[in-house]
Amino acid sequence: MSSSLNDAGDGPGTGIAHRLACLADIDDGGFAEAEAVVDAQCVSLILHRDGNSVRAWRNVCPHAGRRLDRSPGRFLKSRDGLLVCAVHGASFETREGVCVAGPCRGDRLQAVPVRVGGGCVTL
């Protein structure tokens, strides 16, 4: 799933929240992709739902700087629930985005703060 930024404002810092996804569209324990403007750059984000909370990271593997999804918005998940980089197999836990196995072990994904409210994930 890929969501686009809501056009209702000028971006972060304007006081207007930008919708990234509907909570109901992300399976509990699952991942989704959204595009957003972060630090004046259009970036791909990984959204991970855990109950009614969502964590977000830039969709960039710290090992080689490539996207983690195998195709846009399609992420690999291990049997243990880890996010797996489709390129080199690095595995990331979903609480802090820390790599627990693979070529970038000990590195972490770059977190992006998001909010959940009214059934939506916003930036």
Protein backbone atom coordinates (compact mmCIF):
# COMPACT_ATOMS: atom_id res chain seq x y z
CA MET A 1 0.00 0.00 0.00
CA SER A 2 1.34 3.41 -0.83
CA SER A 3 -0.30 6.56 0.50
CA SER A 4 0.26 10.09 -0.68
CA LEU A 5 0.60 13.16 1.42
CA ASN A 6 -2.64 15.03 2.01
CA ASP A 7 -2.59 18.40 0.22
CA ALA A 8 -4.24 20.28 3.10
CA GLY A 9 -1.35 22.55 4.05
CA ASP A 10 2.21 23.59 3.50
CA GLY A 11 3.95 20.83 5.41
CA PRO A 12 5.35 20.08 8.84
CA GLY A 13 5.53 23.09 11.09
CA THR A 14 2.38 24.68 9.66
CA GLY A 15 0.18 23.24 12.40
CA ILE A 16 -1.72 21.22 9.79
CA ALA A 17 -1.42 17.45 10.08
CA HIS A 18 -0.74 15.51 6.89
CA ARG A 19 -2.46 12.15 6.57
CA LEU A 20 -0.10 9.32 5.68
CA ALA A 21 -2.49 6.37 6.02
CA CYS A 22 -5.67 5.12 7.63
CA LEU A 23 -4.99 2.92 10.63
CA ALA A 24 -7.53 0.39 9.35
CA ASP A 25 -5.50 -0.04 6.14
CA ILE A 26 -2.43 -1.35 8.02
CA ASP A 27 -2.71 -4.88 9.41
CA ASP A 28 -1.83 -5.14 13.10
CA GLY A 29 1.83 -6.19 13.13
CA GLY A 30 2.11 -5.27 9.46
CA PHE A 31 3.88 -2.69 7.36
CA ALA A 32 2.83 -0.04 4.87
CA GLU A 33 4.64 2.55 2.79
CA ALA A 34 3.83 6.25 2.61
CA GLU A 35 5.45 9.22 0.94
CA ALA A 36 5.98 12.43 2.85
CA VAL A 37 8.04 15.60 2.90
CA VAL A 38 10.60 15.32 5.72
CA ASP A 39 13.33 17.95 6.15
CA ALA A 40 12.30 19.51 2.81
CA GLN A 41 12.77 16.20 0.95
CA CYS A 42 10.15 13.85 -0.47
CA VAL A 43 10.91 10.49 1.16
CA SER A 44 9.45 7.02 1.37
CA LEU A 45 8.45 5.95 4.89
CA ILE A 46 7.90 2.53 6.42
CA LEU A 47 4.89 2.48 8.74
CA HIS A 48 4.58 -0.35 11.28
CA ARG A 49 1.35 -0.87 13.19
CA ASP A 50 1.40 -2.30 16.72
CA GLY A 51 -2.18 -2.27 18.01
CA ASN A 52 -3.32 1.35 17.96
CA SER A 53 0.19 2.78 17.69
CA VAL A 54 2.33 3.27 14.59
CA ARG A 55 6.08 3.72 14.26
CA ALA A 56 7.68 5.19 11.17
CA TRP A 57 11.17 5.10 9.68
CA ARG A 58 12.73 6.32 6.46
CA ASN A 59 12.61 3.50 3.92
CA VAL A 60 16.40 3.34 3.66
CA CYS A 61 18.64 0.47 4.80
CA PRO A 62 21.66 1.80 6.74
CA HIS A 63 23.86 -0.85 5.08
CA ALA A 64 23.75 0.32 1.48
CA GLY A 65 21.31 3.22 1.39
CA ARG A 66 18.72 1.30 -0.64
CA ARG A 67 15.00 0.90 -0.02
CA LEU A 68 14.00 -2.02 2.20
CA ASP A 69 10.82 -3.01 0.33
CA ARG A 70 11.01 -5.74 -2.33
CA SER A 71 8.68 -3.71 -4.53
CA PRO A 72 7.01 -0.40 -3.65
CA GLY A 73 5.02 -0.90 -0.45
CA ARG A 74 5.71 -4.66 -0.19
CA PHE A 75 7.89 -5.49 2.80
CA LEU A 76 9.38 -8.79 3.92
CA LYS A 77 8.63 -9.92 7.45
CA SER A 78 10.39 -12.80 9.21
CA ARG A 79 8.55 -15.48 11.18
CA ASP A 80 9.69 -13.58 14.29
CA GLY A 81 8.01 -10.38 13.05
CA LEU A 82 11.26 -8.63 12.06
CA LEU A 83 11.39 -6.26 9.10
CA VAL A 84 13.80 -7.76 6.53
CA CYS A 85 15.69 -5.75 3.89
CA ALA A 86 14.86 -7.29 0.52
CA VAL A 87 18.34 -6.50 -0.89
CA HIS A 88 20.84 -7.90 1.65
CA GLY A 89 18.62 -9.58 4.28
CA ALA A 90 19.36 -7.26 7.20
CA SER A 91 16.71 -7.82 9.90
CA PHE A 92 15.31 -5.00 12.04
CA GLU A 93 13.30 -5.20 15.24
CA THR A 94 10.18 -3.03 15.17
CA ARG A 95 10.38 -1.15 18.47
CA GLU A 96 13.48 0.97 17.81
CA GLY A 97 14.38 -0.05 14.24
CA VAL A 98 17.67 -1.64 15.34
CA CYS A 99 19.34 -4.13 12.99
CA VAL A 100 19.65 -7.42 14.89
CA ALA A 101 21.07 -9.56 12.04
CA GLY A 102 22.82 -8.97 8.76
CA PRO A 103 25.48 -6.67 7.34
CA CYS A 104 24.51 -3.58 9.37
CA ARG A 105 24.00 -5.28 12.74
CA GLY A 106 23.80 -2.67 15.50
CA ASP A 107 22.83 0.18 13.15
CA ARG A 108 19.28 1.49 13.16
CA LEU A 109 16.67 2.85 10.81
CA GLN A 110 16.09 6.60 10.91
CA ALA A 111 12.89 7.21 12.91
CA VAL A 112 10.30 9.76 11.81
CA PRO A 113 7.76 10.91 14.43
CA VAL A 114 4.13 10.28 13.49
CA ARG A 115 0.82 10.55 15.35
CA VAL A 116 -2.30 8.42 15.37
CA GLY A 117 -5.65 10.09 15.87
CA GLY A 118 -9.13 9.86 14.45
CA GLY A 119 -8.20 6.57 12.79
CA CYS A 120 -5.43 8.21 10.75
CA VAL A 121 -1.64 8.23 10.84
CA THR A 122 -0.36 11.77 10.41
CA LEU A 123 2.95 13.57 10.16
